[in-house]
């Protein structure tokens, strides 16, 4: 009777298939996960290109939107960390009350910081962004850079994981870290291929929301009412609350389904608030001055008579 202890297998043995002539077959899930990260980086640029071609909006607004998001996070992330480390918020998310408190905090903080940053950008930086198309491009930059950053970070983590999945490297790290690597790779392999694309799907829904939010905040200046800023904060808060509660209680698939419905609402807001860009009227051309040759300079009898008295 053999030993009851299971043999210790390396990551290469567990998550790749050796070929008779050498080499390995990489699981197809690695491809879908790589595709997911690539889409997270590329999709925002595709959205921006479509907006640019359809409306002629300047790429400058995409850049402004991207900077706006980054600056907002310089304040948003430290604030969240400070509040969470203070012990004010509950740690146990098993009860609905605690979960709602945490979801409200995370949603409201994101709404306040990001939408206030968007408002300040319109007011003090992008003063010429007063059209639907410029607001759309600014939103594409705001939501797009978030997707790009998350995609790059996830790609770096995945590459690091694959590099660590090596006999020589595994032999140099503690068994606890080896177990973490094995568990991470097992999760990738055991996840359905469509589940590995949820990151890109969620980012696409988020970009739709950011487009709607940018157009909503723009209404503060187009319609002269600060209520649109508060409406954008509320809309952003509810969106993030759905994500937090959904992923905690319902799982990723139901959560993405709810976000898909929310993205349809975002699209409705985008097109409901669509207005033609203001057209700058071209000045009317000045009447042509007749050439000297065309003027009748011959003195008339009447003019000669009048000249006698002047």
C-alpha atoms as a PDB file:
ATOM      1  CA  UNK A   1       0.000   0.000   0.000  1.00  0.00           C
ATOM      2  CA  UNK A   2       1.453   3.353  -1.047  1.00  0.00           C
ATOM      3  CA  UNK A   3       1.918   6.385   1.105  1.00  0.00           C
ATOM      4  CA  UNK A   4      -1.170   8.480   1.774  1.00  0.00           C
ATOM      5  CA  UNK A   5       0.839  11.677   1.245  1.00  0.00           C
ATOM      6  CA  UNK A   6       0.256  13.143  -2.196  1.00  0.00           C
ATOM      7  CA  UNK A   7       3.314  13.898  -4.280  1.00  0.00           C
ATOM      8  CA  UNK A   8       4.399  17.510  -4.383  1.00  0.00           C
ATOM      9  CA  UNK A   9       4.038  18.774  -7.939  1.00  0.00           C
ATOM     10  CA  UNK A  10       5.539  21.890  -9.348  1.00  0.00           C
ATOM     11  CA  UNK A  11       3.502  24.575 -11.072  1.00  0.00           C
ATOM     12  CA  UNK A  12       4.829  23.399 -14.454  1.00  0.00           C
ATOM     13  CA  UNK A  13       3.581  19.867 -13.780  1.00  0.00           C
ATOM     14  CA  UNK A  14       0.192  21.010 -12.574  1.00  0.00           C
ATOM     15  CA  UNK A  15      -0.674  23.655 -15.126  1.00  0.00           C
ATOM     16  CA  UNK A  16       0.952  22.641 -18.403  1.00  0.00           C
ATOM     17  CA  UNK A  17       1.119  19.478 -20.497  1.00  0.00           C
ATOM     18  CA  UNK A  18       4.560  18.239 -21.663  1.00  0.00           C
ATOM     19  CA  UNK A  19       4.948  17.372 -25.345  1.00  0.00           C
ATOM     20  CA  UNK A  20       6.778  14.172 -26.399  1.00  0.00           C
ATOM     21  CA  UNK A  21       9.388  16.076 -28.369  1.00  0.00           C
ATOM     22  CA  UNK A  22       9.872  18.750 -25.762  1.00  0.00           C
ATOM     23  CA  UNK A  23       7.979  21.936 -24.982  1.00  0.00           C
ATOM     24  CA  UNK A  24       4.624  22.357 -23.289  1.00  0.00           C
ATOM     25  CA  UNK A  25       1.009  23.113 -24.084  1.00  0.00           C
ATOM     26  CA  UNK A  26      -0.123  26.184 -22.192  1.00  0.00           C
ATOM     27  CA  UNK A  27      -3.738  25.909 -20.940  1.00  0.00           C
ATOM     28  CA  UNK A  28      -6.197  27.816 -23.121  1.00  0.00           C
ATOM     29  CA  UNK A  29      -7.351  29.758 -20.058  1.00  0.00           C
ATOM     30  CA  UNK A  30      -4.030  31.574 -20.037  1.00  0.00           C
ATOM     31  CA  UNK A  31      -4.901  32.888 -23.494  1.00  0.00           C
ATOM     32  CA  UNK A  32      -8.330  34.150 -22.423  1.00  0.00           C
ATOM     33  CA  UNK A  33      -6.908  35.812 -19.333  1.00  0.00           C
ATOM     34  CA  UNK A  34      -4.249  37.522 -21.457  1.00  0.00           C
ATOM     35  CA  UNK A  35      -6.980  38.587 -23.891  1.00  0.00           C
ATOM     36  CA  UNK A  36      -8.965  39.998 -20.993  1.00  0.00           C
ATOM     37  CA  UNK A  37      -6.065  42.186 -19.875  1.00  0.00           C
ATOM     38  CA  UNK A  38      -5.351  43.289 -23.443  1.00  0.00           C
ATOM     39  CA  UNK A  39      -8.987  44.323 -23.916  1.00  0.00           C
ATOM     40  CA  UNK A  40      -8.913  46.313 -20.681  1.00  0.00           C
ATOM     41  CA  UNK A  41      -6.077  48.356 -22.174  1.00  0.00           C
ATOM     42  CA  UNK A  42      -7.304  48.604 -25.769  1.00  0.00           C
ATOM     43  CA  UNK A  43     -11.073  49.077 -25.344  1.00  0.00           C
ATOM     44  CA  UNK A  44     -10.823  52.618 -23.909  1.00  0.00           C
ATOM     45  CA  UNK A  45      -8.736  53.689 -26.885  1.00  0.00           C
ATOM     46  CA  UNK A  46     -11.275  52.154 -29.286  1.00  0.00           C
ATOM     47  CA  UNK A  47     -14.095  54.043 -27.566  1.00  0.00           C
ATOM     48  CA  UNK A  48     -12.127  57.290 -27.802  1.00  0.00           C
ATOM     49  CA  UNK A  49     -11.337  56.712 -31.484  1.00  0.00           C
ATOM     50  CA  UNK A  50     -15.036  56.146 -32.234  1.00  0.00           C
ATOM     51  CA  UNK A  51     -15.975  59.366 -30.409  1.00  0.00           C
ATOM     52  CA  UNK A  52     -13.244  61.237 -32.240  1.00  0.00           C
ATOM     53  CA  UNK A  53     -14.362  60.024 -35.665  1.00  0.00           C
ATOM     54  CA  UNK A  54     -18.073  60.516 -35.007  1.00  0.00           C
ATOM     55  CA  UNK A  55     -17.902  63.934 -33.336  1.00  0.00           C
ATOM     56  CA  UNK A  56     -14.477  65.393 -34.082  1.00  0.00           C
ATOM     57  CA  UNK A  57     -13.791  65.916 -30.364  1.00  0.00           C
ATOM     58  CA  UNK A  58     -10.199  66.795 -29.537  1.00  0.00           C
ATOM     59  CA  UNK A  59      -7.823  64.222 -28.046  1.00  0.00           C
ATOM     60  CA  UNK A  60      -6.896  66.963 -25.584  1.00  0.00           C
ATOM     61  CA  UNK A  61     -10.131  66.279 -23.694  1.00  0.00           C
ATOM     62  CA  UNK A  62      -9.230  62.584 -23.434  1.00  0.00           C
ATOM     63  CA  UNK A  63      -5.933  63.590 -21.837  1.00  0.00           C
ATOM     64  CA  UNK A  64      -7.692  66.038 -19.503  1.00  0.00           C
ATOM     65  CA  UNK A  65     -10.145  63.354 -18.421  1.00  0.00           C
ATOM     66  CA  UNK A  66      -7.316  60.918 -17.737  1.00  0.00           C
ATOM     67  CA  UNK A  67      -5.436  63.438 -15.599  1.00  0.00           C
ATOM     68  CA  UNK A  68      -8.656  64.276 -13.766  1.00  0.00           C
ATOM     69  CA  UNK A  69      -9.131  60.659 -12.706  1.00  0.00           C
ATOM     70  CA  UNK A  70      -5.506  60.256 -11.589  1.00  0.00           C
ATOM     71  CA  UNK A  71      -5.585  63.450  -9.517  1.00  0.00           C
ATOM     72  CA  UNK A  72      -8.887  62.455  -7.913  1.00  0.00           C
ATOM     73  CA  UNK A  73      -7.349  59.161  -6.772  1.00  0.00           C
ATOM     74  CA  UNK A  74      -4.449  60.984  -5.126  1.00  0.00           C
ATOM     75  CA  UNK A  75      -7.038  62.218  -2.623  1.00  0.00           C
ATOM     76  CA  UNK A  76      -9.631  59.439  -2.822  1.00  0.00           C
ATOM     77  CA  UNK A  77      -7.384  56.459  -2.013  1.00  0.00           C
ATOM     78  CA  UNK A  78      -5.617  58.016   1.038  1.00  0.00           C
ATOM     79  CA  UNK A  79      -9.001  59.154   2.373  1.00  0.00           C
ATOM     80  CA  UNK A  80     -10.454  55.649   2.096  1.00  0.00           C
ATOM     81  CA  UNK A  81      -7.389  54.116   3.737  1.00  0.00           C
ATOM     82  CA  UNK A  82      -7.470  56.626   6.586  1.00  0.00           C
ATOM     83  CA  UNK A  83     -11.156  56.014   7.306  1.00  0.00           C
ATOM     84  CA  UNK A  84     -10.840  52.223   7.078  1.00  0.00           C
ATOM     85  CA  UNK A  85      -7.762  52.193   9.325  1.00  0.00           C
ATOM     86  CA  UNK A  86      -9.501  54.396  11.884  1.00  0.00           C
ATOM     87  CA  UNK A  87     -11.827  51.572  12.902  1.00  0.00           C
ATOM     88  CA  UNK A  88     -14.975  53.582  12.217  1.00  0.00           C
ATOM     89  CA  UNK A  89     -16.210  51.159   9.579  1.00  0.00           C
ATOM     90  CA  UNK A  90     -17.275  47.598  10.399  1.00  0.00           C
ATOM     91  CA  UNK A  91     -14.921  44.740   9.561  1.00  0.00           C
ATOM     92  CA  UNK A  92     -17.471  41.941   9.454  1.00  0.00           C
ATOM     93  CA  UNK A  93     -19.361  41.962   6.152  1.00  0.00           C
ATOM     94  CA  UNK A  94     -21.493  38.932   7.006  1.00  0.00           C
ATOM     95  CA  UNK A  95     -24.450  41.061   8.101  1.00  0.00           C
ATOM     96  CA  UNK A  96     -26.508  43.142   5.704  1.00  0.00           C
ATOM     97  CA  UNK A  97     -26.245  46.220   7.904  1.00  0.00           C
ATOM     98  CA  UNK A  98     -22.455  46.206   7.894  1.00  0.00           C
ATOM     99  CA  UNK A  99     -22.355  45.451   4.179  1.00  0.00           C
ATOM    100  CA  UNK A 100     -24.677  48.351   3.383  1.00  0.00           C
ATOM    101  CA  UNK A 101     -22.583  50.707   5.522  1.00  0.00           C
ATOM    102  CA  UNK A 102     -19.390  49.685   3.731  1.00  0.00           C
ATOM    103  CA  UNK A 103     -21.024  49.802   0.301  1.00  0.00           C
ATOM    104  CA  UNK A 104     -22.439  53.265   1.004  1.00  0.00           C
ATOM    105  CA  UNK A 105     -19.074  54.534   2.213  1.00  0.00           C
ATOM    106  CA  UNK A 106     -17.144  53.180  -0.772  1.00  0.00           C
ATOM    107  CA  UNK A 107     -19.777  54.337  -3.251  1.00  0.00           C
ATOM    108  CA  UNK A 108     -20.221  57.799  -1.776  1.00  0.00           C
ATOM    109  CA  UNK A 109     -16.491  58.461  -1.434  1.00  0.00           C
ATOM    110  CA  UNK A 110     -15.922  57.493  -5.061  1.00  0.00           C
ATOM    111  CA  UNK A 111     -18.832  59.656  -6.178  1.00  0.00           C
ATOM    112  CA  UNK A 112     -17.780  62.711  -4.183  1.00  0.00           C
ATOM    113  CA  UNK A 113     -14.096  62.659  -5.108  1.00  0.00           C
ATOM    114  CA  UNK A 114     -14.435  61.739  -8.775  1.00  0.00           C
ATOM    115  CA  UNK A 115     -17.431  63.900  -9.635  1.00  0.00           C
ATOM    116  CA  UNK A 116     -16.087  66.884  -7.721  1.00  0.00           C
ATOM    117  CA  UNK A 117     -12.818  66.500  -9.616  1.00  0.00           C
ATOM    118  CA  UNK A 118     -14.784  66.353 -12.861  1.00  0.00           C
ATOM    119  CA  UNK A 119     -16.683  69.515 -11.913  1.00  0.00           C
ATOM    120  CA  UNK A 120     -13.481  71.394 -11.018  1.00  0.00           C
ATOM    121  CA  UNK A 121     -11.933  70.321 -14.305  1.00  0.00           C
ATOM    122  CA  UNK A 122     -14.842  71.765 -16.269  1.00  0.00           C
ATOM    123  CA  UNK A 123     -14.786  74.945 -14.219  1.00  0.00           C
ATOM    124  CA  UNK A 124     -11.085  75.787 -14.121  1.00  0.00           C
ATOM    125  CA  UNK A 125      -9.236  73.726 -16.738  1.00  0.00           C
ATOM    126  CA  UNK A 126     -11.447  72.599 -19.610  1.00  0.00           C
ATOM    127  CA  UNK A 127     -13.362  75.867 -19.858  1.00  0.00           C
ATOM    128  CA  UNK A 128     -13.871  75.274 -23.572  1.00  0.00           C
ATOM    129  CA  UNK A 129     -15.456  71.850 -22.982  1.00  0.00           C
ATOM    130  CA  UNK A 130     -19.032  73.005 -23.309  1.00  0.00           C
ATOM    131  CA  UNK A 131     -20.360  70.562 -25.880  1.00  0.00           C
ATOM    132  CA  UNK A 132     -21.712  67.024 -25.738  1.00  0.00           C
ATOM    133  CA  UNK A 133     -18.813  65.713 -27.822  1.00  0.00           C
ATOM    134  CA  UNK A 134     -16.137  67.260 -25.593  1.00  0.00           C
ATOM    135  CA  UNK A 135     -17.901  65.887 -22.507  1.00  0.00           C
ATOM    136  CA  UNK A 136     -17.964  62.430 -24.079  1.00  0.00           C
ATOM    137  CA  UNK A 137     -14.246  62.538 -24.846  1.00  0.00           C
ATOM    138  CA  UNK A 138     -13.476  63.760 -21.342  1.00  0.00           C
ATOM    139  CA  UNK A 139     -15.488  60.867 -19.938  1.00  0.00           C
ATOM    140  CA  UNK A 140     -13.664  58.421 -22.184  1.00  0.00           C
ATOM    141  CA  UNK A 141     -10.372  59.641 -20.782  1.00  0.00           C
ATOM    142  CA  UNK A 142     -11.614  59.532 -17.183  1.00  0.00           C
ATOM    143  CA  UNK A 143     -12.977  56.002 -17.337  1.00  0.00           C
ATOM    144  CA  UNK A 144     -10.447  54.865 -19.917  1.00  0.00           C
ATOM    145  CA  UNK A 145      -7.325  55.589 -17.921  1.00  0.00           C
ATOM    146  CA  UNK A 146      -8.806  53.666 -14.988  1.00  0.00           C
ATOM    147  CA  UNK A 147      -9.275  50.621 -17.211  1.00  0.00           C
ATOM    148  CA  UNK A 148      -5.795  51.004 -18.692  1.00  0.00           C
ATOM    149  CA  UNK A 149      -4.138  51.262 -15.270  1.00  0.00           C
ATOM    150  CA  UNK A 150      -6.028  48.232 -13.949  1.00  0.00           C
ATOM    151  CA  UNK A 151      -5.182  46.286 -17.106  1.00  0.00           C
ATOM    152  CA  UNK A 152      -1.486  47.098 -16.837  1.00  0.00           C
ATOM    153  CA  UNK A 153      -1.357  46.206 -13.137  1.00  0.00           C
ATOM    154  CA  UNK A 154      -3.180  42.931 -13.759  1.00  0.00           C
ATOM    155  CA  UNK A 155      -0.859  42.116 -16.655  1.00  0.00           C
ATOM    156  CA  UNK A 156       2.178  42.735 -14.476  1.00  0.00           C
ATOM    157  CA  UNK A 157       0.747  40.476 -11.765  1.00  0.00           C
ATOM    158  CA  UNK A 158      -0.029  37.710 -14.249  1.00  0.00           C
ATOM    159  CA  UNK A 159       3.438  37.875 -15.809  1.00  0.00           C
ATOM    160  CA  UNK A 160       5.018  37.791 -12.342  1.00  0.00           C
ATOM    161  CA  UNK A 161       2.927  34.751 -11.493  1.00  0.00           C
ATOM    162  CA  UNK A 162       4.001  32.936 -14.644  1.00  0.00           C
ATOM    163  CA  UNK A 163       7.652  33.791 -14.061  1.00  0.00           C
ATOM    164  CA  UNK A 164       7.412  32.470 -10.500  1.00  0.00           C
ATOM    165  CA  UNK A 165       5.889  29.234 -11.819  1.00  0.00           C
ATOM    166  CA  UNK A 166       9.310  27.781 -12.462  1.00  0.00           C
ATOM    167  CA  UNK A 167      11.208  24.937 -10.795  1.00  0.00           C
ATOM    168  CA  UNK A 168      14.279  27.047 -10.073  1.00  0.00           C
ATOM    169  CA  UNK A 169      12.309  29.938  -8.601  1.00  0.00           C
ATOM    170  CA  UNK A 170       9.879  27.739  -6.653  1.00  0.00           C
ATOM    171  CA  UNK A 171      12.825  26.063  -4.940  1.00  0.00           C
ATOM    172  CA  UNK A 172      13.966  29.430  -3.527  1.00  0.00           C
ATOM    173  CA  UNK A 173      10.703  30.637  -1.968  1.00  0.00           C
ATOM    174  CA  UNK A 174       8.895  29.452   1.188  1.00  0.00           C
ATOM    175  CA  UNK A 175       6.239  26.768   0.941  1.00  0.00           C
ATOM    176  CA  UNK A 176       3.548  29.249   1.959  1.00  0.00           C
ATOM    177  CA  UNK A 177       4.253  31.366  -1.132  1.00  0.00           C
ATOM    178  CA  UNK A 178       4.428  28.229  -3.269  1.00  0.00           C
ATOM    179  CA  UNK A 179       0.935  27.369  -2.061  1.00  0.00           C
ATOM    180  CA  UNK A 180      -0.310  30.862  -2.978  1.00  0.00           C
ATOM    181  CA  UNK A 181       1.152  30.537  -6.480  1.00  0.00           C
ATOM    182  CA  UNK A 182      -0.368  27.089  -6.943  1.00  0.00           C
ATOM    183  CA  UNK A 183      -3.763  28.280  -5.704  1.00  0.00           C
ATOM    184  CA  UNK A 184      -3.692  31.303  -8.030  1.00  0.00           C
ATOM    185  CA  UNK A 185      -2.844  29.177 -11.051  1.00  0.00           C
ATOM    186  CA  UNK A 186      -5.468  26.601 -10.096  1.00  0.00           C
ATOM    187  CA  UNK A 187      -8.092  29.336  -9.950  1.00  0.00           C
ATOM    188  CA  UNK A 188      -7.163  30.475 -13.450  1.00  0.00           C
ATOM    189  CA  UNK A 189      -7.258  26.958 -14.873  1.00  0.00           C
ATOM    190  CA  UNK A 190     -10.528  26.029 -13.167  1.00  0.00           C
ATOM    191  CA  UNK A 191     -12.392  29.204 -14.170  1.00  0.00           C
ATOM    192  CA  UNK A 192     -14.570  28.958 -17.315  1.00  0.00           C
ATOM    193  CA  UNK A 193     -13.104  30.878 -20.236  1.00  0.00           C
ATOM    194  CA  UNK A 194     -15.975  33.370 -20.223  1.00  0.00           C
ATOM    195  CA  UNK A 195     -15.353  34.047 -16.558  1.00  0.00           C
ATOM    196  CA  UNK A 196     -11.827  35.164 -17.392  1.00  0.00           C
ATOM    197  CA  UNK A 197     -13.245  37.920 -19.635  1.00  0.00           C
ATOM    198  CA  UNK A 198     -15.318  39.524 -16.895  1.00  0.00           C
ATOM    199  CA  UNK A 199     -12.646  42.128 -16.172  1.00  0.00           C
ATOM    200  CA  UNK A 200     -12.842  43.619 -19.654  1.00  0.00           C
ATOM    201  CA  UNK A 201     -16.634  43.347 -19.623  1.00  0.00           C
ATOM    202  CA  UNK A 202     -16.876  45.191 -16.316  1.00  0.00           C
ATOM    203  CA  UNK A 203     -14.546  47.922 -17.554  1.00  0.00           C
ATOM    204  CA  UNK A 204     -16.693  48.432 -20.648  1.00  0.00           C
ATOM    205  CA  UNK A 205     -19.751  48.902 -18.427  1.00  0.00           C
ATOM    206  CA  UNK A 206     -17.756  51.294 -16.234  1.00  0.00           C
ATOM    207  CA  UNK A 207     -16.677  53.385 -19.235  1.00  0.00           C
ATOM    208  CA  UNK A 208     -20.329  53.716 -20.285  1.00  0.00           C
ATOM    209  CA  UNK A 209     -21.093  55.028 -16.795  1.00  0.00           C
ATOM    210  CA  UNK A 210     -18.205  57.501 -16.939  1.00  0.00           C
ATOM    211  CA  UNK A 211     -19.434  58.826 -20.274  1.00  0.00           C
ATOM    212  CA  UNK A 212     -22.866  59.414 -18.748  1.00  0.00           C
ATOM    213  CA  UNK A 213     -21.383  60.999 -15.614  1.00  0.00           C
ATOM    214  CA  UNK A 214     -19.221  63.397 -17.627  1.00  0.00           C
ATOM    215  CA  UNK A 215     -22.220  64.511 -19.656  1.00  0.00           C
ATOM    216  CA  UNK A 216     -24.263  64.910 -16.462  1.00  0.00           C
ATOM    217  CA  UNK A 217     -21.664  67.115 -14.756  1.00  0.00           C
ATOM    218  CA  UNK A 218     -21.354  69.130 -17.970  1.00  0.00           C
ATOM    219  CA  UNK A 219     -25.037  70.113 -17.547  1.00  0.00           C
ATOM    220  CA  UNK A 220     -24.015  72.227 -14.538  1.00  0.00           C
ATOM    221  CA  UNK A 221     -22.471  74.654 -17.004  1.00  0.00           C
ATOM    222  CA  UNK A 222     -24.846  74.200 -19.899  1.00  0.00           C
ATOM    223  CA  UNK A 223     -28.011  74.551 -17.801  1.00  0.00           C
ATOM    224  CA  UNK A 224     -26.659  76.608 -14.907  1.00  0.00           C
ATOM    225  CA  UNK A 225     -27.789  74.242 -12.138  1.00  0.00           C
ATOM    226  CA  UNK A 226     -25.526  72.676  -9.502  1.00  0.00           C
ATOM    227  CA  UNK A 227     -28.140  69.946  -9.005  1.00  0.00           C
ATOM    228  CA  UNK A 228     -26.586  68.041 -11.892  1.00  0.00           C
ATOM    229  CA  UNK A 229     -23.395  67.604  -9.852  1.00  0.00           C
ATOM    230  CA  UNK A 230     -25.355  66.101  -6.959  1.00  0.00           C
ATOM    231  CA  UNK A 231     -27.233  63.876  -9.406  1.00  0.00           C
ATOM    232  CA  UNK A 232     -23.910  62.599 -10.789  1.00  0.00           C
ATOM    233  CA  UNK A 233     -22.607  61.901  -7.265  1.00  0.00           C
ATOM    234  CA  UNK A 234     -25.771  59.950  -6.448  1.00  0.00           C
ATOM    235  CA  UNK A 235     -25.605  58.006  -9.718  1.00  0.00           C
ATOM    236  CA  UNK A 236     -21.953  57.108  -9.098  1.00  0.00           C
ATOM    237  CA  UNK A 237     -22.709  56.111  -5.508  1.00  0.00           C
ATOM    238  CA  UNK A 238     -25.474  53.704  -6.503  1.00  0.00           C
ATOM    239  CA  UNK A 239     -23.275  52.166  -9.208  1.00  0.00           C
ATOM    240  CA  UNK A 240     -20.468  51.383  -6.781  1.00  0.00           C
ATOM    241  CA  UNK A 241     -22.891  50.118  -4.147  1.00  0.00           C
ATOM    242  CA  UNK A 242     -24.297  47.643  -6.666  1.00  0.00           C
ATOM    243  CA  UNK A 243     -20.770  46.430  -7.426  1.00  0.00           C
ATOM    244  CA  UNK A 244     -19.795  46.016  -3.755  1.00  0.00           C
ATOM    245  CA  UNK A 245     -23.022  44.316  -2.660  1.00  0.00           C
ATOM    246  CA  UNK A 246     -23.226  42.199  -5.809  1.00  0.00           C
ATOM    247  CA  UNK A 247     -19.715  40.798  -5.647  1.00  0.00           C
ATOM    248  CA  UNK A 248     -20.143  40.051  -1.921  1.00  0.00           C
ATOM    249  CA  UNK A 249     -23.558  38.447  -2.016  1.00  0.00           C
ATOM    250  CA  UNK A 250     -24.392  37.454  -5.586  1.00  0.00           C
ATOM    251  CA  UNK A 251     -21.075  36.519  -7.179  1.00  0.00           C
ATOM    252  CA  UNK A 252     -19.395  37.888 -10.303  1.00  0.00           C
ATOM    253  CA  UNK A 253     -21.906  36.775 -12.936  1.00  0.00           C
ATOM    254  CA  UNK A 254     -24.991  38.235 -11.301  1.00  0.00           C
ATOM    255  CA  UNK A 255     -23.021  41.372 -10.501  1.00  0.00           C
ATOM    256  CA  UNK A 256     -22.015  41.834 -14.123  1.00  0.00           C
ATOM    257  CA  UNK A 257     -25.629  41.255 -15.140  1.00  0.00           C
ATOM    258  CA  UNK A 258     -26.756  44.089 -12.859  1.00  0.00           C
ATOM    259  CA  UNK A 259     -23.974  46.325 -14.151  1.00  0.00           C
ATOM    260  CA  UNK A 260     -25.055  45.535 -17.707  1.00  0.00           C
ATOM    261  CA  UNK A 261     -28.554  46.813 -16.901  1.00  0.00           C
ATOM    262  CA  UNK A 262     -27.002  49.900 -15.302  1.00  0.00           C
ATOM    263  CA  UNK A 263     -24.903  50.485 -18.419  1.00  0.00           C
ATOM    264  CA  UNK A 264     -28.096  50.517 -20.499  1.00  0.00           C
ATOM    265  CA  UNK A 265     -29.374  53.260 -18.209  1.00  0.00           C
ATOM    266  CA  UNK A 266     -26.065  55.078 -18.741  1.00  0.00           C
ATOM    267  CA  UNK A 267     -26.502  54.884 -22.508  1.00  0.00           C
ATOM    268  CA  UNK A 268     -30.036  56.254 -22.154  1.00  0.00           C
ATOM    269  CA  UNK A 269     -28.673  59.217 -20.169  1.00  0.00           C
ATOM    270  CA  UNK A 270     -25.941  59.821 -22.736  1.00  0.00           C
ATOM    271  CA  UNK A 271     -28.330  60.050 -25.667  1.00  0.00           C
ATOM    272  CA  UNK A 272     -31.055  61.831 -23.698  1.00  0.00           C
ATOM    273  CA  UNK A 273     -28.628  64.646 -22.912  1.00  0.00           C
ATOM    274  CA  UNK A 274     -27.170  64.715 -26.396  1.00  0.00           C
ATOM    275  CA  UNK A 275     -27.331  68.110 -28.024  1.00  0.00           C
ATOM    276  CA  UNK A 276     -25.772  69.342 -31.257  1.00  0.00           C
ATOM    277  CA  UNK A 277     -22.490  71.107 -30.772  1.00  0.00           C
ATOM    278  CA  UNK A 278     -22.812  74.892 -30.988  1.00  0.00           C
ATOM    279  CA  UNK A 279     -22.090  76.178 -34.449  1.00  0.00           C
ATOM    280  CA  UNK A 280     -19.916  79.254 -34.628  1.00  0.00           C
ATOM    281  CA  UNK A 281     -21.489  81.606 -37.160  1.00  0.00           C
ATOM    282  CA  UNK A 282     -19.079  82.753 -39.821  1.00  0.00           C
ATOM    283  CA  UNK A 283     -18.988  86.536 -40.298  1.00  0.00           C
ATOM    284  CA  UNK A 284     -20.718  87.779 -43.411  1.00  0.00           C
ATOM    285  CA  UNK A 285     -18.295  88.920 -46.094  1.00  0.00           C
ATOM    286  CA  UNK A 286     -17.896  92.650 -46.512  1.00  0.00           C
ATOM    287  CA  UNK A 287     -19.316  94.120 -49.718  1.00  0.00           C
ATOM    288  CA  UNK A 288     -16.753  94.373 -52.451  1.00  0.00           C
ATOM    289  CA  UNK A 289     -15.297  97.809 -53.002  1.00  0.00           C
ATOM    290  CA  UNK A 290     -15.543  98.755 -56.663  1.00  0.00           C
ATOM    291  CA  UNK A 291     -12.275  99.255 -58.416  1.00  0.00           C
ATOM    292  CA  UNK A 292     -11.234 102.757 -59.395  1.00  0.00           C
ATOM    293  CA  UNK A 293     -11.571 101.915 -63.070  1.00  0.00           C
ATOM    294  CA  UNK A 294     -15.191 100.959 -62.537  1.00  0.00           C
ATOM    295  CA  UNK A 295     -16.123 104.280 -60.947  1.00  0.00           C
ATOM    296  CA  UNK A 296     -17.692 106.970 -63.115  1.00  0.00           C
ATOM    297  CA  UNK A 297     -15.390 109.920 -62.460  1.00  0.00           C
ATOM    298  CA  UNK A 298     -16.672 112.112 -65.290  1.00  0.00           C
ATOM    299  CA  UNK A 299     -18.158 115.376 -63.863  1.00  0.00           C
ATOM    300  CA  UNK A 300     -21.817 115.916 -64.605  1.00  0.00           C
ATOM    301  CA  UNK A 301     -23.451 119.238 -65.512  1.00  0.00           C
ATOM    302  CA  UNK A 302     -25.288 119.241 -62.168  1.00  0.00           C
ATOM    303  CA  UNK A 303     -22.040 118.738 -60.242  1.00  0.00           C
ATOM    304  CA  UNK A 304     -20.399 121.597 -62.208  1.00  0.00           C
ATOM    305  CA  UNK A 305     -23.306 123.934 -61.392  1.00  0.00           C
ATOM    306  CA  UNK A 306     -23.087 123.156 -57.669  1.00  0.00           C
ATOM    307  CA  UNK A 307     -19.363 123.737 -57.663  1.00  0.00           C
ATOM    308  CA  UNK A 308     -19.873 127.367 -58.646  1.00  0.00           C
ATOM    309  CA  UNK A 309     -21.194 128.146 -55.148  1.00  0.00           C
ATOM    310  CA  UNK A 310     -18.550 126.260 -53.143  1.00  0.00           C
END
